[in-house]
Amino acid sequence: MLELRTFGGLSIKGDGVAITGAATHRRTLALLALLAAAGKNGLSRDKMMAYLWPERDTGHARALLKQACYALRRDLHTHELLLGAPELRLNQAVLASDVQAFEEALQRGDIEAAVRVYAGPFLDGFFVGKAPEFERWVEAERARLKQRACWATETLATAAAARGEHEAAVTWWRHLSALDPLNARIARALMGALAATGDRAGALRHARIHESLLREELDAAPDPAVTDFARRLRDVSKEADGRS
């Protein structure tokens, strides 16, 4: 089975072994990423040419697309990799992708499975030179998928807290904080979850980490919601120390 990884980078494996050759050239991999994200709907050849070979005339771009498709079938040893004629799509019985696993898990309501599949930003660190439309598409997809991953993770965190499963809530809020470390609302929620488990020290430590990140990345002060909650936690700790 072939596997395409798009979260946290872009790579392809066959039976767990990294694949080399023309199938791993940047534009060829980019073609796979486009089709994986398109899912069952596929993508028109014209759109793929515009994304990947914008500087070429139609005839040359069509020839390069045909060459890329041939290289994929050859190096991945499967003629059935690509399906369709005007609209190309991946044969999911031959090649599985994490981005499709993520979308399908959300569609069937298996939110935890979706969160576990999302291993990092979409196509993180991957780029194709002289392909501005492709780069814009990547940025938009990256933002969309991150938003869905954050929503899913927050759903798990709030559900765990509602059930009184505070340790699980901490786990999910911490996961969400890693996805969006500068978000004050998430920082405050994680602090609250930690405090609910009795870990006031951990909550205060996260407040300091959040403040440090804000100053380093944005040269900004922390949100009052974070600082006020941290102050209340310190007051409670002092009172507890005074009674002991």
Protein backbone atom coordinates (compact mmCIF):
# COMPACT_ATOMS: atom_id res chain seq x y z
CA MET A 1 0.00 0.00 0.00
CA LEU A 2 1.23 3.48 -0.87
CA GLU A 3 0.95 6.24 1.74
CA LEU A 4 1.17 9.98 1.18
CA ARG A 5 1.99 12.12 4.21
CA THR A 6 0.98 15.77 3.90
CA PHE A 7 0.78 16.86 7.56
CA GLY A 8 4.11 18.12 8.87
CA GLY A 9 5.77 17.87 5.44
CA LEU A 10 5.26 15.97 2.20
CA SER A 11 6.55 12.47 1.50
CA ILE A 12 5.46 9.14 0.07
CA LYS A 13 6.11 5.59 1.21
CA GLY A 14 5.39 2.14 -0.13
CA ASP A 15 4.82 -0.56 2.50
CA GLY A 16 6.51 1.71 5.04
CA VAL A 17 9.63 2.33 2.93
CA ALA A 18 10.50 5.76 1.56
CA ILE A 19 10.22 6.00 -2.23
CA THR A 20 12.81 7.69 -4.42
CA GLY A 21 13.06 8.59 -8.10
CA ALA A 22 11.05 10.95 -10.27
CA ALA A 23 7.96 10.32 -8.14
CA THR A 24 9.56 12.40 -5.38
CA HIS A 25 10.47 15.44 -7.49
CA ARG A 26 8.89 18.59 -6.11
CA ARG A 27 6.29 19.16 -8.82
CA THR A 28 5.42 15.47 -8.95
CA LEU A 29 4.87 15.38 -5.20
CA ALA A 30 2.92 18.63 -5.44
CA LEU A 31 0.67 16.97 -8.01
CA LEU A 32 -0.06 14.16 -5.55
CA ALA A 33 -0.79 16.69 -2.78
CA LEU A 34 -3.25 18.56 -5.00
CA LEU A 35 -5.08 15.36 -5.88
CA ALA A 36 -5.06 14.05 -2.30
CA ALA A 37 -6.65 17.26 -1.04
CA ALA A 38 -9.21 17.21 -3.87
CA GLY A 39 -10.40 13.78 -2.75
CA LYS A 40 -13.09 11.96 -4.71
CA ASN A 41 -13.98 15.06 -6.71
CA GLY A 42 -10.60 15.16 -8.36
CA LEU A 43 -9.07 18.14 -10.12
CA SER A 44 -9.13 19.27 -13.72
CA ARG A 45 -5.98 19.03 -15.79
CA ASP A 46 -6.24 22.74 -16.59
CA LYS A 47 -6.17 23.63 -12.89
CA MET A 48 -3.19 21.42 -12.24
CA MET A 49 -1.30 22.99 -15.13
CA ALA A 50 -2.11 26.47 -13.81
CA TYR A 51 -0.91 25.53 -10.32
CA LEU A 52 2.30 23.78 -11.28
CA TRP A 53 3.46 25.17 -14.65
CA PRO A 54 2.06 28.70 -14.85
CA GLU A 55 5.03 29.99 -16.84
CA ARG A 56 4.56 27.45 -19.65
CA ASP A 57 2.21 27.69 -22.61
CA THR A 58 -0.69 25.24 -22.72
CA GLY A 59 1.05 22.73 -24.98
CA HIS A 60 4.21 22.55 -22.90
CA ALA A 61 2.27 22.45 -19.61
CA ARG A 62 0.10 19.61 -20.91
CA ALA A 63 3.20 17.65 -21.92
CA LEU A 64 4.80 18.19 -18.50
CA LEU A 65 1.63 17.03 -16.73
CA LYS A 66 1.53 13.92 -18.90
CA GLN A 67 5.19 13.27 -18.13
CA ALA A 68 4.59 13.67 -14.38
CA CYS A 69 1.67 11.24 -14.46
CA TYR A 70 3.76 8.72 -16.38
CA ALA A 71 6.63 9.06 -13.86
CA LEU A 72 4.25 8.46 -10.98
CA ARG A 73 2.77 5.32 -12.50
CA ARG A 74 6.23 4.03 -13.41
CA ASP A 75 8.05 4.73 -10.14
CA LEU A 76 5.14 3.71 -7.93
CA HIS A 77 4.65 0.55 -9.97
CA THR A 78 0.91 0.93 -10.45
CA HIS A 79 -0.93 1.88 -13.61
CA GLU A 80 -4.15 2.35 -11.62
CA LEU A 81 -2.76 5.17 -9.44
CA LEU A 82 -4.64 7.91 -11.31
CA LEU A 83 -8.25 7.70 -12.44
CA GLY A 84 -10.42 9.87 -14.66
CA ALA A 85 -9.82 11.78 -17.87
CA PRO A 86 -10.81 15.47 -17.78
CA GLU A 87 -10.84 15.33 -13.96
CA LEU A 88 -7.93 13.42 -12.48
CA ARG A 89 -8.27 11.80 -9.07
CA LEU A 90 -6.22 9.45 -6.92
CA ASN A 91 -7.20 5.83 -6.65
CA GLN A 92 -7.63 5.57 -2.89
CA ALA A 93 -7.52 1.79 -3.07
CA VAL A 94 -3.90 2.14 -4.18
CA LEU A 95 -2.68 5.26 -2.38
CA ALA A 96 -3.87 6.40 1.06
CA SER A 97 -3.28 9.95 2.28
CA ASP A 98 -3.41 11.43 5.75
CA VAL A 99 -5.34 14.46 4.52
CA GLN A 100 -8.13 12.23 3.21
CA ALA A 101 -8.08 10.14 6.40
CA PHE A 102 -8.47 13.40 8.36
CA GLU A 103 -11.41 14.64 6.27
CA GLU A 104 -13.16 11.26 6.31
CA ALA A 105 -12.77 10.92 10.09
CA LEU A 106 -14.45 14.31 10.56
CA GLN A 107 -17.23 13.38 8.13
CA ARG A 108 -18.10 10.23 10.07
CA GLY A 109 -17.87 12.05 13.40
CA ASP A 110 -14.74 10.30 14.68
CA ILE A 111 -13.19 13.49 15.98
CA GLU A 112 -10.48 11.85 18.04
CA ALA A 113 -9.24 9.88 15.01
CA ALA A 114 -9.08 13.11 13.00
CA VAL A 115 -7.05 14.87 15.68
CA ARG A 116 -4.60 11.99 15.89
CA VAL A 117 -4.07 12.04 12.11
CA TYR A 118 -3.27 15.77 12.07
CA ALA A 119 0.48 15.63 12.75
CA GLY A 120 1.43 19.20 11.85
CA PRO A 121 0.81 21.99 9.35
CA PHE A 122 -0.21 20.93 5.84
CA LEU A 123 2.87 20.62 3.56
CA ASP A 124 5.02 22.19 6.26
CA GLY A 125 8.36 23.32 4.81
CA PHE A 126 7.43 22.25 1.26
CA PHE A 127 7.50 24.71 -1.62
CA VAL A 128 7.63 24.77 -5.41
CA GLY A 129 9.58 27.52 -7.13
CA LYS A 130 7.92 29.75 -9.73
CA ALA A 131 4.46 28.46 -8.85
CA PRO A 132 2.70 31.34 -7.02
CA GLU A 133 -0.81 29.92 -7.48
CA PHE A 134 0.28 26.66 -5.90
CA GLU A 135 1.83 28.52 -2.97
CA ARG A 136 -1.39 30.49 -2.45
CA TRP A 137 -3.37 27.27 -2.56
CA VAL A 138 -1.06 25.70 0.04
CA GLU A 139 -1.47 28.67 2.39
CA ALA A 140 -5.26 28.55 2.09
CA GLU A 141 -5.41 24.77 2.61
CA ARG A 142 -2.97 24.96 5.51
CA ALA A 143 -5.14 27.56 7.26
CA ARG A 144 -8.37 25.66 6.56
CA LEU A 145 -7.06 22.33 7.81
CA LYS A 146 -5.50 23.89 10.90
CA GLN A 147 -8.83 25.55 11.72
CA ARG A 148 -10.63 22.21 11.43
CA ALA A 149 -8.00 20.47 13.56
CA CYS A 150 -8.28 23.18 16.23
CA TRP A 151 -12.08 22.91 16.24
CA ALA A 152 -11.89 19.14 16.60
CA THR A 153 -9.35 19.32 19.43
CA GLU A 154 -11.35 21.94 21.31
CA THR A 155 -14.46 19.81 20.94
CA LEU A 156 -12.64 16.92 22.63
CA ALA A 157 -11.31 19.19 25.39
CA THR A 158 -14.67 20.74 26.26
CA ALA A 159 -16.44 17.37 26.13
CA ALA A 160 -13.89 15.86 28.52
CA ALA A 161 -14.28 18.77 30.94
CA ALA A 162 -18.08 18.46 30.81
CA ARG A 163 -17.74 14.80 31.83
CA GLY A 164 -15.48 15.78 34.71
CA GLU A 165 -12.49 14.09 33.06
CA HIS A 166 -10.06 16.86 33.91
CA GLU A 167 -6.86 14.97 33.12
CA ALA A 168 -8.17 14.19 29.63
CA ALA A 169 -9.22 17.83 29.23
CA VAL A 170 -5.67 18.90 30.09
CA THR A 171 -4.31 16.54 27.45
CA TRP A 172 -6.54 17.97 24.71
CA TRP A 173 -6.08 21.61 25.75
CA ARG A 174 -2.33 21.06 25.81
CA HIS A 175 -2.53 19.56 22.33
CA LEU A 176 -4.54 22.55 21.14
CA SER A 177 -2.09 24.95 22.74
CA ALA A 178 0.71 23.35 20.72
CA LEU A 179 -1.31 24.00 17.54
CA ASP A 180 -2.03 27.63 18.44
CA PRO A 181 0.44 28.70 21.17
CA LEU A 182 -0.23 32.44 20.91
CA ASN A 183 -3.99 32.18 21.43
CA ALA A 184 -4.87 33.72 24.80
CA ARG A 185 -8.26 32.01 25.04
CA ILE A 186 -6.63 28.59 24.62
CA ALA A 187 -3.89 29.46 27.11
CA ARG A 188 -6.52 30.48 29.67
CA ALA A 189 -8.51 27.29 29.05
CA LEU A 190 -5.43 25.11 29.56
CA MET A 191 -4.63 26.96 32.77
CA GLY A 192 -8.18 26.35 33.99
CA ALA A 193 -7.97 22.66 33.14
CA LEU A 194 -4.66 22.33 34.98
CA ALA A 195 -6.07 24.13 38.00
CA ALA A 196 -9.08 21.80 37.96
CA THR A 197 -6.69 18.86 38.43
CA GLY A 198 -5.04 20.66 41.37
CA ASP A 199 -1.94 21.57 39.37
CA ARG A 200 -1.87 25.31 40.08
CA ALA A 201 1.90 25.34 39.63
CA GLY A 202 1.50 23.89 36.15
CA ALA A 203 -1.13 26.50 35.31
CA LEU A 204 1.16 29.32 36.43
CA ARG A 205 4.05 27.80 34.52
CA HIS A 206 1.96 27.80 31.35
CA ALA A 207 1.05 31.45 31.93
CA ARG A 208 4.76 32.30 32.01
CA ILE A 209 5.45 30.27 28.87
CA HIS A 210 2.56 31.94 27.05
CA GLU A 211 3.73 35.41 28.12
CA SER A 212 7.29 34.66 26.98
CA LEU A 213 6.10 33.43 23.57
CA LEU A 214 3.96 36.52 23.04
CA ARG A 215 6.85 38.84 23.83
CA GLU A 216 9.31 36.92 21.63
CA GLU A 217 7.01 36.39 18.64
CA LEU A 218 4.78 39.47 18.68
CA ASP A 219 6.43 41.83 21.17
CA ALA A 220 3.01 41.94 22.86
CA ALA A 221 1.77 41.80 26.44
CA PRO A 222 -0.39 38.85 27.57
CA ASP A 223 -4.17 39.11 27.56
CA PRO A 224 -5.72 40.30 30.85
CA ALA A 225 -7.74 37.07 31.01
CA VAL A 226 -4.47 35.16 31.37
CA THR A 227 -2.77 37.55 33.79
CA ASP A 228 -5.86 37.97 35.97
CA PHE A 229 -6.35 34.22 36.28
CA ALA A 230 -2.67 33.74 37.06
CA ARG A 231 -2.93 36.38 39.80
CA ARG A 232 -5.97 34.62 41.32
CA LEU A 233 -4.11 31.31 41.27
CA ARG A 234 -1.14 32.88 43.06
CA ASP A 235 -3.48 34.37 45.67
CA VAL A 236 -5.10 30.97 46.26
CA SER A 237 -1.67 29.35 46.60
CA LYS A 238 -0.58 31.98 49.14
CA GLU A 239 -3.76 31.43 51.17
CA ALA A 240 -3.22 27.67 51.11
CA ASP A 241 0.38 28.11 52.22
CA GLY A 242 -0.74 30.39 55.03
CA ARG A 243 -3.18 27.81 56.34
CA SER A 244 -0.64 24.99 56.24
